[in-house]
Amino acid sequence: MDDTALRILIAEDSLADRMILETIVTQAGYEAIPVGDGQAALEAFAETRPDIVLLDVIMPNMGGLEAAQKMRAQSQDELLPILFLTSLTDNDSLVECIEAGGSDFIPKPYNQVVLLSKIKAFARLRDLHKTLAKQKSLIEINNQHLIQEQTVAKQVFDQIAHSGCLDEGYLRYYMSPLAVFNGDVIVADISPTGSLVVLLGDFTGHGLPAAIGSMPLATTFYGMVRKGFSVSDIMSEINQKLHEILPVGFFCCATCIDINIASRRMRYWNGGLPACMLYREENNQFEELSSRNLPLGVLSSKDFKAETERVQLEFGDRLYMWSDGIFEARNDDGDMFGEDRLHALLETHKRSDTLFDTILKTVQGHIGESEKDDDISLIEIPIVERDYESKYHSPNQKTSDKLADWSMSLDLNANTLRQFDPLPLVTGILNEVTGLTPHRTVLYTVVAELYSNALEHGILGLSSELKQTPQGFMEYYEHRAQKIHALKEGWIRFSISHKQFRDESGAHGRLKVRVTDSGPGFGVADDVTYDMLDESAIEAAKHQYFGRGLKLIRSVCKSMTLRAPGNDVEIEFTWHENDQ
């Protein structure tokens, strides 16, 4: 007998009928297990675990109905087809057989074709059940592995995301995870300039897909905030990382705010999240801070817009931020909480100091026992007269003494100039000076202009007059690319020094950047030093299409010195720790 053949238990007290059934089953290639009464059927079932049971209703020792119930109890979740062998025809008797655990009937006298057809049908059903049970078991195992992975990821993320100032009392927040790993993320920290920086993000998906993006978001956020980078810089860097690692269709809607109590101002960037609501105590009104950008991770660095909006604050104002999980919260009837209901709630309780609790309680009451559709996150930030103190910067010494007094020189020859951009290296070193990091964007512009002036005009000999028209711009950069590719000789030298001071006004410093090139210069006969441009000269420079580089530098630096013959430029830039 084939080891894979179906085992069919035949329980029939009539010897003749039992032999007929055994013959039909055996000739069809199945294994027959014949017994003569209910008790023997139960014992054979426990010993052989048959695939299908043919069970007579009326038998000695134990009837078929009782035997079927006990077999069902022993088989538990396993699919066990039980076909009752019966001559009964009244409906009540047939219903009683089904309620006892029967799957179907085989009427007497037996029809071989009908019997084998039903055996084959239930055999297919049993095979399908086994396949589903196996798949269910694999799904359960994989789900356990997935939950374990998410739990580990969450533990790692919690170590990163909760290392800031979330629990320092500067703000109130609530997060309700839809999965082990929340699709929403809240991170907050204090910058060296004393600003409170908070980011609320909402990733597409939950669990590990959200964890993939949350890790670099949190590490980038904390690393850059603690170095004093602006919201624009932070958003640009996070967007670049997410755009590189997230698959198509995955992104992060986010709002990032920077609140400086000393100057009572806030800068914010919103990309794809619902509008924040700023309560103005003075006029008892809410002001919407709407999204003006696409979510993080959608656009490349070239197309990404990181400009922030500036808002003036007053003591007594309150800022509210939330993810769209509040709008999408559904009750048992499937009705969403919605934006209108939230705004009505804000209007009704806008003067209340317990508005945060009221929102949370109302949304949770709306959801009730129904299943959540999305993660829910809520933040309240009161604007009160206090100092934000960072764990990572002494309150009495906001500016790090690291790289306080130093100088360096960097020489770049033609071979290097053809294939290496020194700007990230130079600006990266400057950003290690804590007092300079709030001016990162300005310093990058200054260094970039000095380098471009030395390379494009000093070494390559390009003329700015080409850039008078859009077509001229294209021609200018085509010539630039060709000349760099063919560059055989020439050099550029960076000479950089920094001096830090500390007195009763606080920490401040002076940075000098000098760029010299091997070009012929611009025919300058004598050294000349220019002080910072006044406002009218700066405004006039904005409307020029070319030749703006040196004027731009003069507009932000304390002084600029141009040395003869014009291939040597030095700027002096000063900073103070109270600069915003």
Protein backbone atom coordinates (compact mmCIF):
# COMPACT_ATOMS: atom_id res chain seq x y z
CA MET A 1 0.00 0.00 0.00
CA ASP A 2 1.26 3.48 -0.92
CA ASP A 3 2.41 5.34 2.20
CA THR A 4 0.81 8.48 0.80
CA ALA A 5 -2.59 6.84 0.15
CA LEU A 6 -5.59 8.15 2.07
CA ARG A 7 -6.43 6.21 5.21
CA ILE A 8 -10.19 5.74 5.41
CA LEU A 9 -11.81 4.47 8.60
CA ILE A 10 -14.95 2.39 7.83
CA ALA A 11 -17.24 1.88 10.84
CA GLU A 12 -20.19 -0.36 9.81
CA ASP A 13 -21.81 -3.06 11.95
CA SER A 14 -23.13 -4.97 8.89
CA LEU A 15 -20.38 -7.32 7.72
CA ALA A 16 -21.70 -7.38 4.15
CA ASP A 17 -21.89 -3.60 3.91
CA ARG A 18 -18.49 -3.29 5.54
CA MET A 19 -16.92 -5.66 2.98
CA ILE A 20 -18.57 -3.78 0.10
CA LEU A 21 -17.19 -0.45 1.34
CA GLU A 22 -13.77 -1.94 1.98
CA THR A 23 -13.64 -3.34 -1.55
CA ILE A 24 -14.66 -0.03 -3.15
CA VAL A 25 -12.10 1.93 -1.12
CA THR A 26 -9.24 -0.54 -1.65
CA GLN A 27 -9.80 -0.84 -5.41
CA ALA A 28 -9.68 2.95 -5.65
CA GLY A 29 -6.16 2.87 -4.20
CA TYR A 30 -6.99 3.96 -0.67
CA GLU A 31 -6.12 2.26 2.64
CA ALA A 32 -9.21 0.85 4.37
CA ILE A 33 -9.46 0.51 8.17
CA PRO A 34 -12.67 -1.55 8.79
CA VAL A 35 -14.30 -1.85 12.26
CA GLY A 36 -17.68 -3.21 13.41
CA ASP A 37 -18.94 -0.83 16.14
CA GLY A 38 -18.64 2.68 17.57
CA GLN A 39 -16.22 1.86 20.37
CA ALA A 40 -13.84 0.07 17.98
CA ALA A 41 -14.13 3.03 15.61
CA LEU A 42 -13.07 5.43 18.36
CA GLU A 43 -10.10 3.25 19.32
CA ALA A 44 -9.01 2.86 15.67
CA PHE A 45 -9.31 6.61 15.18
CA ALA A 46 -7.00 7.33 18.11
CA GLU A 47 -4.47 4.77 16.89
CA THR A 48 -4.39 5.45 13.11
CA ARG A 49 -5.55 9.08 12.77
CA PRO A 50 -7.42 8.44 9.49
CA ASP A 51 -7.86 11.08 6.79
CA ILE A 52 -11.58 10.39 6.23
CA VAL A 53 -14.17 8.58 8.36
CA LEU A 54 -17.16 6.62 7.00
CA LEU A 55 -19.42 6.21 10.04
CA ASP A 56 -22.68 4.27 10.37
CA VAL A 57 -25.26 6.10 12.45
CA ILE A 58 -26.68 3.09 14.30
CA MET A 59 -24.07 0.67 15.74
CA PRO A 60 -23.63 -1.44 18.90
CA ASN A 61 -21.52 -0.41 21.93
CA MET A 62 -21.44 3.24 20.76
CA GLY A 63 -23.62 4.95 18.20
CA GLY A 64 -22.23 6.94 15.28
CA LEU A 65 -23.41 10.28 16.63
CA GLU A 66 -21.55 9.85 19.93
CA ALA A 67 -18.43 8.50 18.17
CA ALA A 68 -18.44 11.48 15.79
CA GLN A 69 -18.58 13.98 18.67
CA LYS A 70 -15.63 12.33 20.44
CA MET A 71 -13.60 12.17 17.22
CA ARG A 72 -14.23 15.87 16.66
CA ALA A 73 -13.03 16.63 20.18
CA GLN A 74 -9.82 14.68 19.59
CA SER A 75 -9.10 16.19 16.16
CA GLN A 76 -9.42 19.79 17.48
CA ASP A 77 -8.45 22.24 14.65
CA GLU A 78 -7.55 19.47 12.19
CA LEU A 79 -9.95 19.06 9.27
CA LEU A 80 -11.66 15.68 9.66
CA PRO A 81 -14.30 14.80 7.04
CA ILE A 82 -16.93 12.48 8.60
CA LEU A 83 -19.41 10.93 6.16
CA PHE A 84 -22.38 9.30 7.85
CA LEU A 85 -23.59 5.99 6.42
CA THR A 86 -27.35 6.02 6.89
CA SER A 87 -30.70 4.92 5.58
CA LEU A 88 -32.37 7.73 7.51
CA THR A 89 -34.23 10.22 5.35
CA ASP A 90 -36.15 12.49 7.74
CA ASN A 91 -34.85 16.00 8.11
CA ASP A 92 -34.58 15.94 11.91
CA SER A 93 -32.29 12.89 11.83
CA LEU A 94 -30.08 14.42 9.14
CA VAL A 95 -29.80 17.70 11.07
CA GLU A 96 -28.85 15.76 14.17
CA CYS A 97 -26.04 14.07 12.23
CA ILE A 98 -24.66 17.44 11.05
CA GLU A 99 -24.82 18.91 14.56
CA ALA A 100 -22.91 15.87 15.88
CA GLY A 101 -20.00 16.75 13.60
CA GLY A 102 -20.88 15.13 10.32
CA SER A 103 -19.65 16.61 7.03
CA ASP A 104 -21.96 14.76 4.59
CA PHE A 105 -24.08 11.64 4.04
CA ILE A 106 -23.70 8.41 2.09
CA PRO A 107 -27.18 6.94 1.60
CA LYS A 108 -27.80 3.19 1.61
CA PRO A 109 -27.65 1.21 -0.63
CA TYR A 110 -24.19 2.50 -1.60
CA ASN A 111 -23.51 3.95 -5.02
CA GLN A 112 -19.83 3.42 -5.89
CA VAL A 113 -19.62 6.47 -8.17
CA VAL A 114 -21.18 8.82 -5.59
CA LEU A 115 -19.06 7.39 -2.75
CA LEU A 116 -15.73 7.81 -4.59
CA SER A 117 -16.68 11.29 -5.83
CA LYS A 118 -17.34 12.46 -2.27
CA ILE A 119 -14.14 10.84 -1.01
CA LYS A 120 -12.12 12.65 -3.71
CA ALA A 121 -13.85 15.94 -3.00
CA PHE A 122 -13.12 15.76 0.72
CA ALA A 123 -9.57 14.58 0.00
CA ARG A 124 -8.99 17.75 -2.02
CA LEU A 125 -10.55 19.83 0.74
CA ARG A 126 -8.33 18.15 3.32
CA ASP A 127 -5.20 18.79 1.22
CA LEU A 128 -6.19 22.43 0.88
CA HIS A 129 -6.71 22.69 4.64
CA LYS A 130 -3.28 21.17 5.27
CA THR A 131 -1.71 23.69 2.89
CA LEU A 132 -3.50 26.58 4.58
CA ALA A 133 -2.52 25.29 8.02
CA LYS A 134 1.12 25.05 6.93
CA GLN A 135 1.02 28.56 5.48
CA LYS A 136 -0.67 29.84 8.63
CA SER A 137 2.10 28.32 10.72
CA LEU A 138 4.76 29.94 8.52
CA ILE A 139 2.96 33.29 8.72
CA GLU A 140 2.85 33.04 12.51
CA ILE A 141 6.56 32.24 12.65
CA ASN A 142 7.42 35.06 10.25
CA ASN A 143 5.17 37.43 12.16
CA GLN A 144 6.95 36.59 15.40
CA HIS A 145 10.30 37.24 13.72
CA LEU A 146 8.97 40.52 12.34
CA ILE A 147 7.69 41.62 15.74
CA GLN A 148 11.04 40.73 17.30
CA GLU A 149 12.87 42.75 14.62
CA GLN A 150 10.53 45.70 15.11
CA THR A 151 10.98 45.50 18.87
CA VAL A 152 14.76 45.60 18.51
CA ALA A 153 14.49 48.48 16.01
CA LYS A 154 12.20 50.35 18.38
CA GLN A 155 14.60 49.87 21.29
CA VAL A 156 17.47 51.24 19.17
CA PHE A 157 15.33 54.13 17.92
CA ASP A 158 14.12 54.99 21.42
CA GLN A 159 17.73 55.31 22.53
CA ILE A 160 18.24 57.84 19.73
CA ALA A 161 14.91 59.64 19.62
CA HIS A 162 14.54 60.15 23.35
CA SER A 163 18.03 61.48 23.97
CA GLY A 164 16.87 65.07 23.43
CA CYS A 165 14.67 67.32 25.52
CA LEU A 166 11.24 65.74 24.97
CA ASP A 167 10.81 65.06 28.66
CA GLU A 168 12.35 68.29 29.99
CA GLY A 169 8.99 70.07 30.38
CA TYR A 170 9.37 72.44 27.42
CA LEU A 171 6.51 70.80 25.55
CA ARG A 172 3.71 68.25 25.94
CA TYR A 173 3.35 65.41 23.47
CA TYR A 174 1.34 62.24 22.88
CA MET A 175 1.98 59.36 20.50
CA SER A 176 -0.22 56.30 19.99
CA PRO A 177 1.45 53.63 17.86
CA LEU A 178 -0.63 51.69 15.34
CA ALA A 179 2.15 49.08 15.19
CA VAL A 180 5.09 48.08 17.39
CA PHE A 181 7.15 50.67 15.58
CA ASN A 182 5.35 53.97 15.19
CA GLY A 183 5.06 55.57 11.74
CA ASP A 184 5.12 58.95 13.49
CA VAL A 185 8.30 60.36 14.99
CA ILE A 186 8.85 63.26 17.39
CA VAL A 187 12.35 64.56 18.12
CA ALA A 188 13.35 67.70 20.03
CA ASP A 189 16.56 69.27 21.29
CA ILE A 190 18.17 72.57 22.25
CA SER A 191 20.65 74.21 19.88
CA PRO A 192 23.85 75.95 21.06
CA THR A 193 22.10 79.29 20.44
CA GLY A 194 19.43 78.41 23.01
CA SER A 195 16.64 77.63 20.53
CA LEU A 196 14.13 74.82 21.00
CA VAL A 197 14.03 72.76 17.79
CA VAL A 198 11.20 70.25 17.35
CA LEU A 199 10.43 67.95 14.41
CA LEU A 200 7.21 65.99 13.95
CA GLY A 201 7.32 63.44 11.13
CA ASP A 202 4.79 61.04 9.66
CA PHE A 203 6.24 58.25 7.51
CA THR A 204 4.24 56.28 4.99
CA GLY A 205 3.61 52.84 6.44
CA HIS A 206 4.39 51.42 9.85
CA GLY A 207 6.80 48.94 11.41
CA LEU A 208 10.13 48.37 9.68
CA PRO A 209 9.40 50.58 6.63
CA ALA A 210 8.99 53.50 9.03
CA ALA A 211 12.05 52.42 11.04
CA ILE A 212 14.22 52.55 7.91
CA GLY A 213 13.64 56.28 7.62
CA SER A 214 13.25 57.15 11.30
CA MET A 215 16.79 56.11 12.21
CA PRO A 216 18.67 58.46 9.85
CA LEU A 217 16.10 61.20 10.50
CA ALA A 218 16.69 61.11 14.26
CA THR A 219 20.48 60.81 14.09
CA THR A 220 20.76 63.61 11.54
CA PHE A 221 18.39 65.83 13.50
CA TYR A 222 20.20 65.51 16.83
CA GLY A 223 23.66 65.71 15.29
CA MET A 224 22.87 68.92 13.42
CA VAL A 225 20.80 70.64 16.11
CA ARG A 226 23.58 70.17 18.66
CA LYS A 227 26.03 71.78 16.24
CA GLY A 228 23.77 74.79 15.72
CA PHE A 229 22.60 74.18 12.16
CA SER A 230 19.51 76.02 10.96
CA VAL A 231 16.15 74.38 10.24
CA SER A 232 16.78 74.87 6.52
CA ASP A 233 20.09 73.01 6.72
CA ILE A 234 18.58 70.23 8.84
CA MET A 235 15.66 69.72 6.48
CA SER A 236 17.95 69.70 3.44
CA GLU A 237 20.23 67.06 4.96
CA ILE A 238 17.36 64.83 6.13
CA ASN A 239 15.67 65.11 2.73
CA GLN A 240 18.87 64.09 0.96
CA LYS A 241 19.33 61.03 3.18
CA LEU A 242 15.69 59.92 2.86
CA HIS A 243 15.71 60.47 -0.90
CA GLU A 244 18.74 58.19 -1.14
CA ILE A 245 17.51 55.33 1.07
CA LEU A 246 13.71 55.24 0.80
CA PRO A 247 12.11 53.26 -2.06
CA VAL A 248 9.72 54.96 -4.46
CA GLY A 249 6.38 55.65 -2.78
CA PHE A 250 7.85 56.05 0.70
CA PHE A 251 8.34 59.52 2.17
CA CYS A 252 7.98 61.52 5.37
CA CYS A 253 5.53 64.37 5.88
CA ALA A 254 7.14 66.64 8.48
CA THR A 255 7.01 69.92 10.33
CA CYS A 256 10.12 71.38 11.96
CA ILE A 257 10.10 74.48 14.17
CA ASP A 258 12.82 76.55 15.82
CA ILE A 259 11.68 78.70 18.76
CA ASN A 260 14.05 81.29 20.23
CA ILE A 261 12.65 82.76 23.42
CA ALA A 262 15.33 85.49 23.69
CA SER A 263 14.22 87.10 20.43
CA ARG A 264 10.65 85.76 20.68
CA ARG A 265 10.66 84.44 17.15
CA MET A 266 9.96 81.14 15.49
CA ARG A 267 11.06 79.69 12.17
CA TYR A 268 9.12 76.78 10.71
CA TRP A 269 9.18 74.44 7.73
CA ASN A 270 6.12 72.32 6.88
CA GLY A 271 6.14 69.67 4.19
CA GLY A 272 2.91 67.71 3.84
CA LEU A 273 1.60 67.70 7.43
CA PRO A 274 -1.64 69.42 8.46
CA ALA A 275 -1.27 73.10 9.30
CA CYS A 276 0.04 73.86 12.79
CA MET A 277 -2.15 76.16 14.84
CA LEU A 278 -0.57 79.07 16.73
CA TYR A 279 -2.84 80.51 19.41
CA ARG A 280 -2.39 84.27 19.85
CA GLU A 281 -3.32 85.30 23.37
CA GLU A 282 -3.39 88.98 22.46
CA ASN A 283 -6.35 88.70 20.08
CA ASN A 284 -7.67 85.29 21.18
CA GLN A 285 -7.32 83.90 17.65
CA PHE A 286 -5.60 80.95 15.98
CA GLU A 287 -3.09 81.46 13.17
CA GLU A 288 -2.53 78.64 10.65
CA LEU A 289 1.03 77.66 9.72
CA SER A 290 0.30 75.74 6.54
CA SER A 291 2.41 73.38 4.48
CA ARG A 292 4.20 75.02 1.56
CA ASN A 293 6.49 72.13 0.62
CA LEU A 294 6.45 68.52 -0.52
CA PRO A 295 7.28 65.80 2.05
CA LEU A 296 10.84 64.79 2.85
CA GLY A 297 12.38 62.19 0.55
CA VAL A 298 10.33 63.06 -2.54
CA LEU A 299 12.59 65.58 -4.28
CA SER A 300 16.30 65.45 -5.01
CA SER A 301 18.62 67.92 -3.28
CA LYS A 302 18.65 70.08 -6.40
CA ASP A 303 14.85 70.54 -6.41
CA PHE A 304 14.23 70.55 -2.67
CA LYS A 305 13.04 73.82 -1.13
CA ALA A 306 14.29 74.38 2.42
CA GLU A 307 13.31 78.01 2.99
CA THR A 308 11.66 78.62 6.35
CA GLU A 309 8.90 81.02 7.39
CA ARG A 310 9.53 83.46 10.25
CA VAL A 311 6.84 84.20 12.86
CA GLN A 312 7.08 86.67 15.72
CA LEU A 313 5.93 85.28 19.08
CA GLU A 314 4.59 86.78 22.28
CA PHE A 315 4.53 85.32 25.76
CA GLY A 316 1.23 83.55 26.32
CA ASP A 317 1.02 82.17 22.79
CA ARG A 318 0.69 78.39 22.34
CA LEU A 319 1.68 76.24 19.37
CA TYR A 320 -0.16 73.02 18.44
CA MET A 321 1.22 70.40 16.03
CA TRP A 322 -0.36 67.08 14.98
CA SER A 323 -0.16 64.31 12.43
CA ASP A 324 -3.07 63.53 10.11
CA GLY A 325 -3.93 60.56 12.33
CA ILE A 326 -6.16 62.92 14.33
CA PHE A 327 -8.17 63.90 11.25
CA GLU A 328 -8.40 60.26 10.10
CA ALA A 329 -9.46 58.80 13.47
CA ARG A 330 -12.66 56.80 12.84
CA ASN A 331 -15.48 55.74 15.16
CA ASP A 332 -17.41 52.45 15.06
CA ASP A 333 -19.54 53.77 12.17
CA GLY A 334 -16.48 54.63 10.09
CA ASP A 335 -16.87 58.41 10.43
CA MET A 336 -13.58 60.33 10.55
CA PHE A 337 -12.93 62.88 13.28
CA GLY A 338 -12.07 65.33 10.53
CA GLU A 339 -10.52 68.77 10.27
CA ASP A 340 -13.79 70.67 10.80
CA ARG A 341 -14.51 68.91 14.09
CA LEU A 342 -10.98 69.66 15.33
CA HIS A 343 -11.17 73.33 14.38
CA ALA A 344 -14.56 73.64 16.09
CA LEU A 345 -13.02 72.12 19.20
CA LEU A 346 -10.19 74.65 19.07
CA GLU A 347 -12.59 77.56 18.79
CA THR A 348 -14.70 76.34 21.71
CA HIS A 349 -11.77 75.78 24.08
CA LYS A 350 -9.14 78.21 22.76
CA ARG A 351 -8.75 80.10 26.05
CA SER A 352 -8.50 76.90 28.04
CA ASP A 353 -5.15 75.87 29.51
CA THR A 354 -6.31 72.25 29.21
CA LEU A 355 -6.84 72.35 25.43
CA PHE A 356 -4.20 69.64 24.88
CA ASP A 357 -6.05 67.24 27.20
CA THR A 358 -9.41 68.19 25.69
CA ILE A 359 -8.25 67.40 22.15
CA LEU A 360 -6.75 64.10 23.21
CA LYS A 361 -9.76 63.02 25.25
CA THR A 362 -12.23 64.01 22.51
CA VAL A 363 -10.34 62.14 19.76
CA GLN A 364 -9.99 59.03 21.93
CA GLY A 365 -13.68 59.21 22.78
CA HIS A 366 -14.52 59.44 19.08
CA ILE A 367 -12.45 56.34 18.29
CA GLY A 368 -13.94 54.30 21.16
CA GLU A 369 -13.22 50.61 20.74
CA SER A 370 -12.89 50.79 16.95
CA GLU A 371 -9.62 49.94 15.25
CA LYS A 372 -7.23 52.83 14.58
CA ASP A 373 -6.49 53.70 10.93
CA ASP A 374 -3.28 55.62 11.60
CA ASP A 375 -0.83 56.70 14.28
CA ILE A 376 -1.95 59.70 16.33
CA SER A 377 0.52 62.35 17.48
CA LEU A 378 -0.15 65.65 19.24
CA ILE A 379 2.23 68.37 20.50
CA GLU A 380 1.62 71.54 22.53
CA ILE A 381 4.39 74.12 23.06
CA PRO A 382 3.64 77.07 25.39
CA ILE A 383 5.52 80.29 24.69
CA VAL A 384 6.58 81.36 28.17
CA GLU A 385 9.51 83.35 29.54
CA ARG A 386 12.15 80.73 30.24
CA ASP A 387 15.60 79.67 29.14
CA TYR A 388 15.93 76.50 27.11
CA GLU A 389 18.96 74.66 28.46
CA SER A 390 20.67 71.88 26.58
CA LYS A 391 22.22 68.87 28.28
CA TYR A 392 25.05 69.10 25.80
CA HIS A 393 26.03 72.74 26.28
CA SER A 394 26.81 74.42 29.56
CA PRO A 395 24.32 77.26 30.20
CA ASN A 396 27.22 79.50 31.17
CA GLN A 397 29.29 78.60 28.12
CA LYS A 398 27.14 78.12 25.05
CA THR A 399 30.09 78.26 22.68
CA SER A 400 32.50 75.32 22.63
CA ASP A 401 36.20 75.96 23.08
CA LYS A 402 36.92 73.26 20.52
CA LEU A 403 38.96 74.71 17.64
CA ALA A 404 39.11 78.04 19.45
CA ASP A 405 42.46 79.32 18.13
CA TRP A 406 43.82 77.65 15.03
CA SER A 407 45.10 78.10 11.48
CA MET A 408 45.48 75.89 8.42
CA SER A 409 46.65 75.98 4.82
CA LEU A 410 45.31 73.93 1.91
CA ASP A 411 47.11 73.86 -1.46
CA LEU A 412 45.29 72.49 -4.52
CA ASN A 413 47.19 71.78 -7.77
CA ALA A 414 45.81 71.36 -11.29
CA ASN A 415 45.36 67.60 -10.96
CA THR A 416 43.28 68.11 -7.80
CA LEU A 417 41.30 71.03 -9.21
CA ARG A 418 40.15 68.89 -12.15
CA GLN A 419 38.45 66.30 -9.98
CA PHE A 420 37.99 67.54 -6.40
CA ASP A 421 35.58 70.07 -4.89
CA PRO A 422 37.22 71.52 -1.74
CA LEU A 423 34.12 73.39 -0.52
CA PRO A 424 32.59 70.57 1.62
CA LEU A 425 35.99 69.97 3.24
CA VAL A 426 36.60 73.63 4.05
CA THR A 427 33.05 74.38 5.25
CA GLY A 428 33.04 71.15 7.24
CA ILE A 429 36.09 72.36 9.17
CA LEU A 430 34.49 75.77 9.75
CA ASN A 431 31.36 74.08 11.11
CA GLU A 432 33.43 72.49 13.85
CA VAL A 433 33.61 75.96 15.41
CA THR A 434 30.37 76.16 17.37
CA GLY A 435 30.19 79.93 17.09
CA LEU A 436 30.31 79.70 13.29
CA THR A 437 27.66 77.03 12.78
CA PRO A 438 24.69 79.46 12.95
CA HIS A 439 26.32 81.21 9.98
CA ARG A 440 26.93 78.04 7.98
CA THR A 441 24.93 79.13 4.94
CA VAL A 442 26.57 82.56 4.81
CA LEU A 443 30.07 81.12 5.20
CA TYR A 444 29.44 78.53 2.51
CA THR A 445 28.40 81.33 0.14
CA VAL A 446 31.50 83.37 1.01
CA VAL A 447 33.92 80.46 0.58
CA ALA A 448 32.16 79.36 -2.62
CA GLU A 449 32.46 82.86 -4.10
CA LEU A 450 36.14 83.14 -3.18
CA TYR A 451 36.88 79.72 -4.67
CA SER A 452 34.83 80.33 -7.83
CA ASN A 453 36.52 83.70 -8.32
CA ALA A 454 39.98 82.10 -8.02
CA LEU A 455 39.20 79.08 -10.21
CA GLU A 456 36.95 80.50 -12.91
CA HIS A 457 38.48 83.95 -13.38
CA GLY A 458 42.00 83.53 -11.97
CA ILE A 459 42.95 80.04 -13.28
CA LEU A 460 40.53 79.44 -16.17
CA GLY A 461 40.33 83.06 -17.38
CA LEU A 462 36.56 83.14 -17.86
CA SER A 463 34.80 86.47 -18.19
CA SER A 464 31.75 87.33 -16.06
CA GLU A 465 30.37 89.42 -18.91
CA LEU A 466 29.24 86.20 -20.58
CA LYS A 467 26.57 85.89 -17.88
CA GLN A 468 24.59 88.94 -18.99
CA THR A 469 21.93 86.74 -20.64
CA PRO A 470 20.46 83.26 -20.01
CA GLN A 471 22.20 82.03 -23.18
CA GLY A 472 25.42 83.56 -21.89
CA PHE A 473 25.07 81.61 -18.64
CA MET A 474 24.89 78.35 -20.59
CA GLU A 475 27.88 79.31 -22.71
CA TYR A 476 29.82 80.34 -19.60
CA TYR A 477 29.40 76.96 -17.87
CA GLU A 478 30.09 75.03 -21.06
CA HIS A 479 33.44 76.84 -21.34
CA ARG A 480 34.07 76.21 -17.63
CA ALA A 481 33.57 72.44 -17.98
CA GLN A 482 35.81 72.29 -21.07
CA LYS A 483 38.62 74.30 -19.49
CA ILE A 484 38.60 72.33 -16.22
CA HIS A 485 38.81 69.08 -18.17
CA ALA A 486 41.83 70.39 -20.09
CA LEU A 487 43.54 72.05 -17.08
CA LYS A 488 47.26 71.19 -16.95
CA GLU A 489 48.75 73.76 -14.58
CA GLY A 490 47.78 76.23 -11.90
CA TRP A 491 47.10 76.19 -8.17
CA ILE A 492 44.82 77.64 -5.49
CA ARG A 493 45.74 78.08 -1.83
CA PHE A 494 43.37 78.43 1.13
CA SER A 495 44.84 80.06 4.24
CA ILE A 496 42.39 80.04 7.14
CA SER A 497 42.79 81.21 10.74
CA HIS A 498 40.40 81.64 13.65
CA LYS A 499 40.73 83.44 16.97
CA GLN A 500 38.23 83.15 19.83
CA PHE A 501 37.73 85.69 22.63
CA ARG A 502 35.71 85.71 25.81
CA ASP A 503 34.78 88.75 27.91
CA GLU A 504 31.82 90.09 29.89
CA SER A 505 29.70 90.22 26.70
CA GLY A 506 30.22 86.49 26.11
CA ALA A 507 32.16 84.42 23.59
CA HIS A 508 32.96 85.89 20.19
CA GLY A 509 35.49 85.31 17.48
CA ARG A 510 37.22 86.38 14.27
CA LEU A 511 37.63 84.20 11.18
CA LYS A 512 40.00 85.06 8.34
CA VAL A 513 39.87 83.25 5.01
CA ARG A 514 42.47 84.03 2.37
CA VAL A 515 42.35 82.55 -1.14
CA THR A 516 45.30 82.97 -3.51
CA ASP A 517 45.58 81.62 -7.06
CA SER A 518 48.35 81.35 -9.64
CA GLY A 519 46.48 83.42 -12.20
CA PRO A 520 47.61 86.83 -13.51
CA GLY A 521 45.13 88.72 -11.32
CA PHE A 522 42.91 91.61 -12.34
CA GLY A 523 45.55 94.30 -12.69
CA VAL A 524 45.19 95.68 -9.15
CA ALA A 525 48.14 98.01 -8.55
CA ASP A 526 47.92 98.36 -4.76
CA ASP A 527 46.42 96.46 -1.87
CA VAL A 528 43.01 97.76 -0.92
CA THR A 529 40.71 96.95 2.00
CA TYR A 530 36.94 97.32 1.77
CA ASP A 531 34.62 97.56 4.77
CA MET A 532 31.17 96.02 4.86
CA LEU A 533 28.82 97.49 2.23
CA ASP A 534 25.99 99.73 3.34
CA GLU A 535 22.34 98.78 2.69
CA SER A 536 22.00 100.77 -0.55
CA ALA A 537 25.04 99.12 -2.13
CA ILE A 538 23.79 95.68 -1.09
CA GLU A 539 20.37 96.35 -2.65
CA ALA A 540 21.97 97.58 -5.88
CA ALA A 541 24.13 94.46 -6.10
CA LYS A 542 21.04 92.22 -5.98
CA HIS A 543 19.92 93.50 -9.40
CA GLN A 544 23.17 92.77 -11.21
CA TYR A 545 23.42 89.62 -13.33
CA PHE A 546 27.19 89.35 -13.12
CA GLY A 547 30.09 90.72 -11.10
CA ARG A 548 28.17 90.34 -7.85
CA GLY A 549 30.56 87.94 -6.13
CA LEU A 550 32.86 90.38 -4.36
CA LYS A 551 29.99 92.73 -3.50
CA LEU A 552 28.11 89.80 -2.02
CA ILE A 553 31.13 88.93 0.13
CA ARG A 554 31.44 92.54 1.28
CA SER A 555 27.77 92.55 2.28
CA VAL A 556 28.25 89.87 4.96
CA CYS A 557 31.90 90.19 6.04
CA LYS A 558 33.45 92.79 8.31
CA SER A 559 36.10 93.54 5.71
CA MET A 560 37.62 92.29 2.46
CA THR A 561 41.21 92.90 1.31
CA LEU A 562 42.23 92.62 -2.34
CA ARG A 563 46.01 92.37 -2.81
CA ALA A 564 47.98 93.22 -5.95
CA PRO A 565 47.92 92.08 -8.68
CA GLY A 566 44.38 90.93 -7.87
CA ASN A 567 44.84 87.18 -7.38
CA ASP A 568 44.86 87.32 -3.57
CA VAL A 569 41.64 87.99 -1.60
CA GLU A 570 41.19 87.86 2.18
CA ILE A 571 38.00 88.31 4.18
CA GLU A 572 37.44 88.86 7.89
CA PHE A 573 34.23 87.50 9.41
CA THR A 574 33.23 88.11 13.03
CA TRP A 575 30.66 86.35 15.20
CA HIS A 576 29.14 86.59 18.67
CA GLU A 577 27.46 83.80 20.61
CA ASN A 578 24.26 85.88 20.85
CA ASP A 579 23.98 86.10 17.05
CA GLN A 580 20.71 84.61 15.79
